[in-house]
Amino acid sequence: VRLMSLHTIEDLTSCILDFQANFIRVIYRKKTTLVD
């Protein structure tokens, strides 16, 4: 999130969007893992 607020992150844009996609996978896996 701190990287997102910087003004010189053009080279990092794709990496940040990839991280968001990966975090969606993390959230989805947690949501579909049953509590036991």
Full PDB file with SEQRES, HELIX, SHEET, SSBOND, CRYST1, ORIGX, SCALE, CONECT and MASTER records, all heavy atoms in Angstrom:
SEQRES   1 A   36  VAL ARG LEU MET SER LEU HIS THR ILE GLU ASP LEU THR          
SEQRES   2 A   36  SER CYS ILE LEU ASP PHE GLN ALA ASN PHE ILE ARG VAL          
SEQRES   3 A   36  ILE TYR ARG LYS LYS THR THR LEU VAL ASP                      
HELIX    1 AA1 LEU A    3  SER A    5  5                                   3    
HELIX    2 AA2 GLU A   10  LEU A   12  5                                   3    
HELIX    3 AA3 THR A   13  LYS A   31  1                                  19    
CRYST1    1.000    1.000    1.000  90.00  90.00  90.00 P 1           1          
ORIGX1      1.000000  0.000000  0.000000        0.00000                         
ORIGX2      0.000000  1.000000  0.000000        0.00000                         
ORIGX3      0.000000  0.000000  1.000000        0.00000                         
SCALE1      1.000000  0.000000  0.000000        0.00000                         
SCALE2      0.000000  1.000000  0.000000        0.00000                         
SCALE3      0.000000  0.000000  1.000000        0.00000                         
ATOM      1  N   VAL A   1       0.844  -1.203   0.000  1.00  0.00           N  
ATOM      2  CA  VAL A   1       0.000   0.000   0.000  1.00  0.00           C  
ATOM      3  C   VAL A   1       0.873   1.246   0.000  1.00  0.00           C  
ATOM      4  O   VAL A   1       0.566   2.244  -0.670  1.00  0.00           O  
ATOM      5  CB  VAL A   1      -0.944   0.000   1.225  1.00  0.00           C  
ATOM      6  CG1 VAL A   1      -1.651   1.343   1.355  1.00  0.00           C  
ATOM      7  CG2 VAL A   1      -1.966  -1.116   1.103  1.00  0.00           C  
ATOM      8  N   ARG A   2       1.991   1.216   0.723  1.00  0.00           N  
ATOM      9  CA  ARG A   2       2.910   2.358   0.747  1.00  0.00           C  
ATOM     10  C   ARG A   2       3.500   2.589  -0.646  1.00  0.00           C  
ATOM     11  O   ARG A   2       3.662   3.731  -1.079  1.00  0.00           O  
ATOM     12  CB  ARG A   2       4.023   2.109   1.766  1.00  0.00           C  
ATOM     13  CG  ARG A   2       4.882   3.353   2.062  1.00  0.00           C  
ATOM     14  CD  ARG A   2       5.997   3.039   3.034  1.00  0.00           C  
ATOM     15  NE  ARG A   2       5.480   2.498   4.291  1.00  0.00           N  
ATOM     16  CZ  ARG A   2       5.733   1.268   4.732  1.00  0.00           C  
ATOM     17  NH1 ARG A   2       6.489   0.443   4.018  1.00  0.00           N  
ATOM     18  NH2 ARG A   2       5.239   0.859   5.879  1.00  0.00           N  
ATOM     19  N   LEU A   3       3.791   1.515  -1.369  1.00  0.00           N  
ATOM     20  CA  LEU A   3       4.299   1.654  -2.734  1.00  0.00           C  
ATOM     21  C   LEU A   3       3.266   2.328  -3.638  1.00  0.00           C  
ATOM     22  O   LEU A   3       3.611   3.106  -4.528  1.00  0.00           O  
ATOM     23  CB  LEU A   3       4.646   0.278  -3.307  1.00  0.00           C  
ATOM     24  CG  LEU A   3       5.976  -0.357  -2.881  1.00  0.00           C  
ATOM     25  CD1 LEU A   3       6.113  -1.719  -3.522  1.00  0.00           C  
ATOM     26  CD2 LEU A   3       7.151   0.525  -3.265  1.00  0.00           C  
ATOM     27  N   MET A   4       1.992   2.023  -3.400  1.00  0.00           N  
ATOM     28  CA  MET A   4       0.933   2.608  -4.222  1.00  0.00           C  
ATOM     29  C   MET A   4       0.894   4.126  -4.110  1.00  0.00           C  
ATOM     30  O   MET A   4       0.498   4.821  -5.051  1.00  0.00           O  
ATOM     31  CB  MET A   4      -0.426   2.044  -3.807  1.00  0.00           C  
ATOM     32  CG  MET A   4      -0.641   0.588  -4.107  1.00  0.00           C  
ATOM     33  SD  MET A   4      -2.247   0.034  -3.488  1.00  0.00           S  
ATOM     34  CE  MET A   4      -2.271  -1.665  -4.052  1.00  0.00           C  
ATOM     35  N   SER A   5       1.294   4.641  -2.960  1.00  0.00           N  
ATOM     36  CA  SER A   5       1.187   6.075  -2.718  1.00  0.00           C  
ATOM     37  C   SER A   5       2.347   6.864  -3.292  1.00  0.00           C  
ATOM     38  O   SER A   5       2.323   8.094  -3.303  1.00  0.00           O  
ATOM     39  CB  SER A   5       1.085   6.345  -1.210  1.00  0.00           C  
ATOM     40  OG  SER A   5       2.279   5.936  -0.549  1.00  0.00           O  
ATOM     41  N   LEU A   6       3.391   6.162  -3.778  1.00  0.00           N  
ATOM     42  CA  LEU A   6       4.544   6.858  -4.333  1.00  0.00           C  
ATOM     43  C   LEU A   6       4.217   7.378  -5.728  1.00  0.00           C  
ATOM     44  O   LEU A   6       3.315   6.910  -6.401  1.00  0.00           O  
ATOM     45  CB  LEU A   6       5.750   5.923  -4.396  1.00  0.00           C  
ATOM     46  CG  LEU A   6       6.239   5.363  -3.048  1.00  0.00           C  
ATOM     47  CD1 LEU A   6       7.406   4.425  -3.259  1.00  0.00           C  
ATOM     48  CD2 LEU A   6       6.641   6.490  -2.108  1.00  0.00           C  
ATOM     49  N   HIS A   7       4.974   8.363  -6.174  1.00  0.00           N  
ATOM     50  CA  HIS A   7       4.725   8.972  -7.480  1.00  0.00           C  
ATOM     51  C   HIS A   7       5.635   8.419  -8.571  1.00  0.00           C  
ATOM     52  O   HIS A   7       5.505   8.787  -9.724  1.00  0.00           O  
ATOM     53  CB  HIS A   7       4.911  10.493  -7.387  1.00  0.00           C  
ATOM     54  CG  HIS A   7       3.982  11.147  -6.411  1.00  0.00           C  
ATOM     55  ND1 HIS A   7       2.622  11.244  -6.632  1.00  0.00           N  
ATOM     56  CD2 HIS A   7       4.214  11.717  -5.207  1.00  0.00           C  
ATOM     57  CE1 HIS A   7       2.053  11.870  -5.604  1.00  0.00           C  
ATOM     58  NE2 HIS A   7       2.996  12.162  -4.737  1.00  0.00           N  
ATOM     59  N   THR A   8       6.566   7.574  -8.201  1.00  0.00           N  
ATOM     60  CA  THR A   8       7.518   7.046  -9.194  1.00  0.00           C  
ATOM     61  C   THR A   8       7.445   5.533  -9.207  1.00  0.00           C  
ATOM     62  O   THR A   8       8.442   4.849  -9.016  1.00  0.00           O  
ATOM     63  CB  THR A   8       8.952   7.503  -8.862  1.00  0.00           C  
ATOM     64  OG1 THR A   8       9.264   7.095  -7.511  1.00  0.00           O  
ATOM     65  CG2 THR A   8       9.085   9.000  -8.977  1.00  0.00           C  
ATOM     66  N   ILE A   9       6.240   4.997  -9.413  1.00  0.00           N  
ATOM     67  CA  ILE A   9       6.084   3.555  -9.340  1.00  0.00           C  
ATOM     68  C   ILE A   9       5.633   2.958 -10.671  1.00  0.00           C  
ATOM     69  O   ILE A   9       5.069   1.873 -10.708  1.00  0.00           O  
ATOM     70  CB  ILE A   9       5.089   3.175  -8.221  1.00  0.00           C  
ATOM     71  CG1 ILE A   9       3.827   4.043  -8.276  1.00  0.00           C  
ATOM     72  CG2 ILE A   9       5.685   3.307  -6.866  1.00  0.00           C  
ATOM     73  CD1 ILE A   9       2.711   3.476  -9.075  1.00  0.00           C  
ATOM     74  N   GLU A  10       5.883   3.663 -11.796  1.00  0.00           N  
ATOM     75  CA  GLU A  10       5.436   3.142 -13.074  1.00  0.00           C  
ATOM     76  C   GLU A  10       5.978   1.733 -13.331  1.00  0.00           C  
ATOM     77  O   GLU A  10       5.256   0.861 -13.818  1.00  0.00           O  
ATOM     78  CB  GLU A  10       5.877   4.074 -14.217  1.00  0.00           C  
ATOM     79  CG  GLU A  10       5.121   5.395 -14.288  1.00  0.00           C  
ATOM     80  CD  GLU A  10       5.665   6.432 -13.311  1.00  0.00           C  
ATOM     81  OE1 GLU A  10       6.643   6.111 -12.614  1.00  0.00           O  
ATOM     82  OE2 GLU A  10       5.113   7.540 -13.247  1.00  0.00           O  
ATOM     83  N   ASP A  11       7.246   1.511 -12.976  1.00  0.00           N  
ATOM     84  CA  ASP A  11       7.851   0.207 -13.207  1.00  0.00           C  
ATOM     85  C   ASP A  11       7.277  -0.868 -12.295  1.00  0.00           C  
ATOM     86  O   ASP A  11       7.465  -2.058 -12.545  1.00  0.00           O  
ATOM     87  CB  ASP A  11       9.372   0.283 -12.995  1.00  0.00           C  
ATOM     88  CG  ASP A  11      10.057   1.159 -14.032  1.00  0.00           C  
ATOM     89  OD1 ASP A  11       9.469   1.341 -15.109  1.00  0.00           O  
ATOM     90  OD2 ASP A  11      11.154   1.666 -13.752  1.00  0.00           O  
ATOM     91  N   LEU A  12       6.590  -0.453 -11.246  1.00  0.00           N  
ATOM     92  CA  LEU A  12       6.065  -1.410 -10.273  1.00  0.00           C  
ATOM     93  C   LEU A  12       4.575  -1.666 -10.449  1.00  0.00           C  
ATOM     94  O   LEU A  12       4.008  -2.505  -9.743  1.00  0.00           O  
ATOM     95  CB  LEU A  12       6.319  -0.896  -8.845  1.00  0.00           C  
ATOM     96  CG  LEU A  12       7.783  -0.725  -8.437  1.00  0.00           C  
ATOM     97  CD1 LEU A  12       7.875  -0.012  -7.101  1.00  0.00           C  
ATOM     98  CD2 LEU A  12       8.467  -2.077  -8.348  1.00  0.00           C  
ATOM     99  N   THR A  13       3.935  -0.962 -11.346  1.00  0.00           N  
ATOM    100  CA  THR A  13       2.483  -1.076 -11.491  1.00  0.00           C  
ATOM    101  C   THR A  13       2.052  -2.514 -11.726  1.00  0.00           C  
ATOM    102  O   THR A  13       1.142  -3.030 -11.065  1.00  0.00           O  
ATOM    103  CB  THR A  13       1.993  -0.182 -12.646  1.00  0.00           C  
ATOM    104  OG1 THR A  13       2.311   1.169 -12.348  1.00  0.00           O  
ATOM    105  CG2 THR A  13       0.498  -0.332 -12.833  1.00  0.00           C  
ATOM    106  N   SER A  14       2.690  -3.178 -12.677  1.00  0.00           N  
ATOM    107  CA  SER A  14       2.305  -4.553 -12.997  1.00  0.00           C  
ATOM    108  C   SER A  14       2.527  -5.475 -11.795  1.00  0.00           C  
ATOM    109  O   SER A  14       1.693  -6.340 -11.519  1.00  0.00           O  
ATOM    110  CB  SER A  14       3.111  -5.054 -14.194  1.00  0.00           C  
ATOM    111  OG  SER A  14       2.709  -6.350 -14.559  1.00  0.00           O  
ATOM    112  N   CYS A  15       3.631  -5.281 -11.085  1.00  0.00           N  
ATOM    113  CA  CYS A  15       3.910  -6.117  -9.913  1.00  0.00           C  
ATOM    114  C   CYS A  15       2.853  -5.929  -8.827  1.00  0.00           C  
ATOM    115  O   CYS A  15       2.436  -6.889  -8.177  1.00  0.00           O  
ATOM    116  CB  CYS A  15       5.292  -5.784  -9.340  1.00  0.00           C  
ATOM    117  SG  CYS A  15       6.673  -6.219 -10.407  1.00  0.00           S  
ATOM    118  N   ILE A  16       2.421  -4.683  -8.634  1.00  0.00           N  
ATOM    119  CA  ILE A  16       1.416  -4.409  -7.605  1.00  0.00           C  
ATOM    120  C   ILE A  16       0.080  -5.033  -7.988  1.00  0.00           C  
ATOM    121  O   ILE A  16      -0.606  -5.625  -7.150  1.00  0.00           O  
ATOM    122  CB  ILE A  16       1.284  -2.891  -7.379  1.00  0.00           C  
ATOM    123  CG1 ILE A  16       2.574  -2.340  -6.758  1.00  0.00           C  
ATOM    124  CG2 ILE A  16       0.093  -2.568  -6.492  1.00  0.00           C  
ATOM    125  CD1 ILE A  16       2.609  -0.833  -6.625  1.00  0.00           C  
ATOM    126  N   LEU A  17      -0.297  -4.924  -9.266  1.00  0.00           N  
ATOM    127  CA  LEU A  17      -1.535  -5.552  -9.713  1.00  0.00           C  
ATOM    128  C   LEU A  17      -1.452  -7.075  -9.588  1.00  0.00           C  
ATOM    129  O   LEU A  17      -2.443  -7.732  -9.256  1.00  0.00           O  
ATOM    130  CB  LEU A  17      -1.837  -5.154 -11.151  1.00  0.00           C  
ATOM    131  CG  LEU A  17      -2.220  -3.683 -11.369  1.00  0.00           C  
ATOM    132  CD1 LEU A  17      -2.388  -3.392 -12.856  1.00  0.00           C  
ATOM    133  CD2 LEU A  17      -3.487  -3.320 -10.614  1.00  0.00           C  
ATOM    134  N   ASP A  18      -0.270  -7.631  -9.839  1.00  0.00           N  
ATOM    135  CA  ASP A  18      -0.078  -9.068  -9.638  1.00  0.00           C  
ATOM    136  C   ASP A  18      -0.256  -9.434  -8.163  1.00  0.00           C  
ATOM    137  O   ASP A  18      -0.855 -10.463  -7.840  1.00  0.00           O  
ATOM    138  CB  ASP A  18       1.325  -9.493 -10.093  1.00  0.00           C  
ATOM    139  CG  ASP A  18       1.458  -9.527 -11.607  1.00  0.00           C  
ATOM    140  OD1 ASP A  18       0.417  -9.567 -12.286  1.00  0.00           O  
ATOM    141  OD2 ASP A  18       2.598  -9.501 -12.100  1.00  0.00           O  
ATOM    142  N   PHE A  19       0.268  -8.604  -7.280  1.00  0.00           N  
ATOM    143  CA  PHE A  19       0.129  -8.874  -5.855  1.00  0.00           C  
ATOM    144  C   PHE A  19      -1.343  -8.841  -5.448  1.00  0.00           C  
ATOM    145  O   PHE A  19      -1.804  -9.678  -4.665  1.00  0.00           O  
ATOM    146  CB  PHE A  19       0.929  -7.856  -5.031  1.00  0.00           C  
ATOM    147  CG  PHE A  19       0.849  -8.097  -3.545  1.00  0.00           C  
ATOM    148  CD1 PHE A  19       1.677  -9.023  -2.937  1.00  0.00           C  
ATOM    149  CD2 PHE A  19      -0.072  -7.413  -2.769  1.00  0.00           C  
ATOM    150  CE1 PHE A  19       1.586  -9.258  -1.564  1.00  0.00           C  
ATOM    151  CE2 PHE A  19      -0.167  -7.639  -1.409  1.00  0.00           C  
ATOM    152  CZ  PHE A  19       0.663  -8.567  -0.808  1.00  0.00           C  
ATOM    153  N   GLN A  20      -2.094  -7.875  -5.966  1.00  0.00           N  
ATOM    154  CA  GLN A  20      -3.520  -7.818  -5.672  1.00  0.00           C  
ATOM    155  C   GLN A  20      -4.223  -9.095  -6.119  1.00  0.00           C  
ATOM    156  O   GLN A  20      -5.068  -9.634  -5.401  1.00  0.00           O  
ATOM    157  CB  GLN A  20      -4.158  -6.607  -6.364  1.00  0.00           C  
ATOM    158  CG  GLN A  20      -3.806  -5.293  -5.720  1.00  0.00           C  
ATOM    159  CD  GLN A  20      -4.436  -4.094  -6.410  1.00  0.00           C  
ATOM    160  OE1 GLN A  20      -4.275  -2.970  -5.974  1.00  0.00           O  
ATOM    161  NE2 GLN A  20      -5.157  -4.311  -7.492  1.00  0.00           N  
ATOM    162  N   ALA A  21      -3.873  -9.571  -7.325  1.00  0.00           N  
ATOM    163  CA  ALA A  21      -4.475 -10.809  -7.822  1.00  0.00           C  
ATOM    164  C   ALA A  21      -4.100 -11.985  -6.929  1.00  0.00           C  
ATOM    165  O   ALA A  21      -4.931 -12.857  -6.641  1.00  0.00           O  
ATOM    166  CB  ALA A  21      -4.025 -11.064  -9.262  1.00  0.00           C  
ATOM    167  N   ASN A  22      -2.854 -12.023  -6.478  1.00  0.00           N  
ATOM    168  CA  ASN A  22      -2.427 -13.092  -5.576  1.00  0.00           C  
ATOM    169  C   ASN A  22      -3.140 -13.007  -4.234  1.00  0.00           C  
ATOM    170  O   ASN A  22      -3.478 -14.021  -3.628  1.00  0.00           O  
ATOM    171  CB  ASN A  22      -0.908 -13.033  -5.366  1.00  0.00           C  
ATOM    172  CG  ASN A  22      -0.138 -13.660  -6.511  1.00  0.00           C  
ATOM    173  OD1 ASN A  22      -0.543 -14.681  -7.063  1.00  0.00           O  
ATOM    174  ND2 ASN A  22       0.959 -13.044  -6.898  1.00  0.00           N  
ATOM    175  N   PHE A  23      -3.368 -11.775  -3.747  1.00  0.00           N  
ATOM    176  CA  PHE A  23      -4.047 -11.625  -2.460  1.00  0.00           C  
ATOM    177  C   PHE A  23      -5.511 -12.048  -2.575  1.00  0.00           C  
ATOM    178  O   PHE A  23      -6.096 -12.546  -1.606  1.00  0.00           O  
ATOM    179  CB  PHE A  23      -3.937 -10.183  -1.961  1.00  0.00           C  
ATOM    180  CG  PHE A  23      -4.378 -10.013  -0.531  1.00  0.00           C  
ATOM    181  CD1 PHE A  23      -3.752 -10.699   0.490  1.00  0.00           C  
ATOM    182  CD2 PHE A  23      -5.435  -9.175  -0.206  1.00  0.00           C  
ATOM    183  CE1 PHE A  23      -4.158 -10.560   1.814  1.00  0.00           C  
ATOM    184  CE2 PHE A  23      -5.851  -9.020   1.100  1.00  0.00           C  
ATOM    185  CZ  PHE A  23      -5.216  -9.717   2.121  1.00  0.00           C  
ATOM    186  N   ILE A  24      -6.108 -11.858  -3.763  1.00  0.00           N  
ATOM    187  CA  ILE A  24      -7.461 -12.390  -3.981  1.00  0.00           C  
ATOM    188  C   ILE A  24      -7.450 -13.908  -3.844  1.00  0.00           C  
ATOM    189  O   ILE A  24      -8.358 -14.502  -3.248  1.00  0.00           O  
ATOM    190  CB  ILE A  24      -7.985 -11.972  -5.364  1.00  0.00           C  
ATOM    191  CG1 ILE A  24      -8.427 -10.502  -5.331  1.00  0.00           C  
ATOM    192  CG2 ILE A  24      -9.148 -12.856  -5.812  1.00  0.00           C  
ATOM    193  CD1 ILE A  24      -8.975  -9.986  -6.643  1.00  0.00           C  
ATOM    194  N   ARG A  25      -6.403 -14.540  -4.360  1.00  0.00           N  
ATOM    195  CA  ARG A  25      -6.290 -15.997  -4.220  1.00  0.00           C  
ATOM    196  C   ARG A  25      -6.165 -16.393  -2.746  1.00  0.00           C  
ATOM    197  O   ARG A  25      -6.737 -17.386  -2.300  1.00  0.00           O  
ATOM    198  CB  ARG A  25      -5.084 -16.511  -5.002  1.00  0.00           C  
ATOM    199  CG  ARG A  25      -5.162 -16.273  -6.502  1.00  0.00           C  
ATOM    200  CD  ARG A  25      -3.975 -16.898  -7.216  1.00  0.00           C  
ATOM    201  NE  ARG A  25      -4.024 -16.653  -8.651  1.00  0.00           N  
ATOM    202  CZ  ARG A  25      -3.279 -15.777  -9.288  1.00  0.00           C  
ATOM    203  NH1 ARG A  25      -2.410 -15.050  -8.605  1.00  0.00           N  
ATOM    204  NH2 ARG A  25      -3.372 -15.617 -10.583  1.00  0.00           N  
ATOM    205  N   VAL A  26      -5.392 -15.607  -1.994  1.00  0.00           N  
ATOM    206  CA  VAL A  26      -5.229 -15.890  -0.571  1.00  0.00           C  
ATOM    207  C   VAL A  26      -6.577 -15.780   0.148  1.00  0.00           C  
ATOM    208  O   VAL A  26      -6.971 -16.664   0.928  1.00  0.00           O  
ATOM    209  CB  VAL A  26      -4.200 -14.926   0.062  1.00  0.00           C  
ATOM    210  CG1 VAL A  26      -4.180 -15.071   1.584  1.00  0.00           C  
ATOM    211  CG2 VAL A  26      -2.811 -15.190  -0.508  1.00  0.00           C  
ATOM    212  N   ILE A  27      -7.299 -14.678  -0.104  1.00  0.00           N  
ATOM    213  CA  ILE A  27      -8.590 -14.468   0.540  1.00  0.00           C  
ATOM    214  C   ILE A  27      -9.570 -15.574   0.144  1.00  0.00           C  
ATOM    215  O   ILE A  27     -10.317 -16.106   0.977  1.00  0.00           O  
ATOM    216  CB  ILE A  27      -9.155 -13.080   0.159  1.00  0.00           C  
ATOM    217  CG1 ILE A  27      -8.301 -11.962   0.789  1.00  0.00           C  
ATOM    218  CG2 ILE A  27     -10.598 -12.939   0.599  1.00  0.00           C  
ATOM    219  CD1 ILE A  27      -8.377 -11.891   2.284  1.00  0.00           C  
ATOM    220  N   TYR A  28      -9.575 -15.921  -1.148  1.00  0.00           N  
ATOM    221  CA  TYR A  28     -10.493 -16.961  -1.610  1.00  0.00           C  
ATOM    222  C   TYR A  28     -10.185 -18.302  -0.942  1.00  0.00           C  
ATOM    223  O   TYR A  28     -11.099 -19.027  -0.525  1.00  0.00           O  
ATOM    224  CB  TYR A  28     -10.397 -17.109  -3.127  1.00  0.00           C  
ATOM    225  CG  TYR A  28     -11.305 -18.184  -3.687  1.00  0.00           C  
ATOM    226  CD1 TYR A  28     -12.649 -17.920  -3.935  1.00  0.00           C  
ATOM    227  CD2 TYR A  28     -10.822 -19.463  -3.950  1.00  0.00           C  
ATOM    228  CE1 TYR A  28     -13.492 -18.904  -4.437  1.00  0.00           C  
ATOM    229  CE2 TYR A  28     -11.654 -20.454  -4.444  1.00  0.00           C  
ATOM    230  CZ  TYR A  28     -12.984 -20.172  -4.687  1.00  0.00           C  
ATOM    231  OH  TYR A  28     -13.819 -21.156  -5.172  1.00  0.00           O  
ATOM    232  N   ARG A  29      -8.915 -18.627  -0.841  1.00  0.00           N  
ATOM    233  CA  ARG A  29      -8.561 -19.906  -0.214  1.00  0.00           C  
ATOM    234  C   ARG A  29      -8.984 -19.920   1.244  1.00  0.00           C  
ATOM    235  O   ARG A  29      -9.504 -20.926   1.741  1.00  0.00           O  
ATOM    236  CB  ARG A  29      -7.064 -20.152  -0.343  1.00  0.00           C  
ATOM    237  CG  ARG A  29      -6.614 -21.372   0.460  1.00  0.00           C  
ATOM    238  CD  ARG A  29      -5.310 -21.927  -0.004  1.00  0.00           C  
ATOM    239  NE  ARG A  29      -4.876 -23.004   0.870  1.00  0.00           N  
ATOM    240  CZ  ARG A  29      -4.024 -23.946   0.530  1.00  0.00           C  
ATOM    241  NH1 ARG A  29      -3.524 -23.951  -0.687  1.00  0.00           N  
ATOM    242  NH2 ARG A  29      -3.672 -24.882   1.371  1.00  0.00           N  
ATOM    243  N   LYS A  30      -8.766 -18.821   1.957  1.00  0.00           N  
ATOM    244  CA  LYS A  30      -9.191 -18.771   3.357  1.00  0.00           C  
ATOM    245  C   LYS A  30     -10.707 -18.884   3.466  1.00  0.00           C  
ATOM    246  O   LYS A  30     -11.226 -19.537   4.376  1.00  0.00           O  
ATOM    247  CB  LYS A  30      -8.707 -17.467   3.998  1.00  0.00           C  
ATOM    248  CG  LYS A  30      -7.212 -17.419   4.248  1.00  0.00           C  
ATOM    249  CD  LYS A  30      -6.810 -16.155   5.002  1.00  0.00           C  
ATOM    250  CE  LYS A  30      -5.330 -16.180   5.336  1.00  0.00           C  
ATOM    251  NZ  LYS A  30      -4.925 -15.006   6.147  1.00  0.00           N  
ATOM    252  N   LYS A  31     -11.411 -18.258   2.546  1.00  0.00           N  
ATOM    253  CA  LYS A  31     -12.877 -18.273   2.593  1.00  0.00           C  
ATOM    254  C   LYS A  31     -13.434 -19.667   2.319  1.00  0.00           C  
ATOM    255  O   LYS A  31     -14.509 -20.029   2.819  1.00  0.00           O  
ATOM    256  CB  LYS A  31     -13.437 -17.279   1.573  1.00  0.00           C  
ATOM    257  CG  LYS A  31     -14.939 -17.049   1.635  1.00  0.00           C  
ATOM    258  CD  LYS A  31     -15.335 -15.919   0.703  1.00  0.00           C  
ATOM    259  CE  LYS A  31     -16.829 -15.624   0.810  1.00  0.00           C  
ATOM    260  NZ  LYS A  31     -17.647 -16.686   0.212  1.00  0.00           N  
ATOM    261  N   THR A  32     -12.725 -20.454   1.537  1.00  0.00           N  
ATOM    262  CA  THR A  32     -13.201 -21.791   1.184  1.00  0.00           C  
ATOM    263  C   THR A  32     -12.557 -22.896   2.027  1.00  0.00           C  
ATOM    264  O   THR A  32     -12.797 -24.077   1.773  1.00  0.00           O  
ATOM    265  CB  THR A  32     -12.934 -22.067  -0.302  1.00  0.00           C  
ATOM    266  OG1 THR A  32     -11.545 -21.855  -0.591  1.00  0.00           O  
ATOM    267  CG2 THR A  32     -13.769 -21.148  -1.174  1.00  0.00           C  
ATOM    268  N   THR A  33     -11.745 -22.523   3.012  1.00  0.00           N  
ATOM    269  CA  THR A  33     -11.166 -23.501   3.937  1.00  0.00           C  
ATOM    270  C   THR A  33     -12.072 -23.602   5.158  1.00  0.00           C  
ATOM    271  O   THR A  33     -12.290 -22.616   5.865  1.00  0.00           O  
ATOM    272  CB  THR A  33      -9.750 -23.087   4.377  1.00  0.00           C  
ATOM    273  OG1 THR A  33      -8.902 -22.990   3.222  1.00  0.00           O  
ATOM    274  CG2 THR A  33      -9.173 -24.111   5.346  1.00  0.00           C  
ATOM    275  N   LEU A  34     -12.622 -24.776   5.403  1.00  0.00           N  
ATOM    276  CA  LEU A  34     -13.585 -24.952   6.485  1.00  0.00           C  
ATOM    277  C   LEU A  34     -12.926 -24.820   7.852  1.00  0.00           C  
ATOM    278  O   LEU A  34     -11.768 -25.218   8.054  1.00  0.00           O  
ATOM    279  CB  LEU A  34     -14.259 -26.317   6.367  1.00  0.00           C  
ATOM    280  CG  LEU A  34     -15.109 -26.550   5.116  1.00  0.00           C  
ATOM    281  CD1 LEU A  34     -15.679 -27.967   5.119  1.00  0.00           C  
ATOM    282  CD2 LEU A  34     -16.232 -25.522   5.038  1.00  0.00           C  
ATOM    283  N   VAL A  35     -13.666 -24.261   8.782  1.00  0.00           N  
ATOM    284  CA  VAL A  35     -13.208 -24.157  10.170  1.00  0.00           C  
ATOM    285  C   VAL A  35     -13.433 -25.500  10.852  1.00  0.00           C  
ATOM    286  O   VAL A  35     -14.547 -26.041  10.817  1.00  0.00           O  
ATOM    287  CB  VAL A  35     -13.972 -23.047  10.915  1.00  0.00           C  
ATOM    288  CG1 VAL A  35     -13.619 -23.053  12.402  1.00  0.00           C  
ATOM    289  CG2 VAL A  35     -13.671 -21.693  10.298  1.00  0.00           C  
ATOM    290  N   ASP A  36     -12.404 -26.046  11.446  1.00  0.00           N  
ATOM    291  CA  ASP A  36     -12.513 -27.339  12.134  1.00  0.00           C  
ATOM    292  C   ASP A  36     -11.589 -27.334  13.345  1.00  0.00           C  
ATOM    293  O   ASP A  36     -10.427 -27.739  13.255  1.00  0.00           O  
ATOM    294  CB  ASP A  36     -12.149 -28.479  11.184  1.00  0.00           C  
ATOM    295  CG  ASP A  36     -12.546 -29.844  11.727  1.00  0.00           C  
ATOM    296  OD1 ASP A  36     -12.820 -29.936  12.942  1.00  0.00           O  
ATOM    297  OD2 ASP A  36     -12.595 -30.813  10.944  1.00  0.00           O  
TER     298      ASP A  36                                                      
MASTER        0    0    0    3    0    0    0    6  297    1    0    3          
END                                                                             
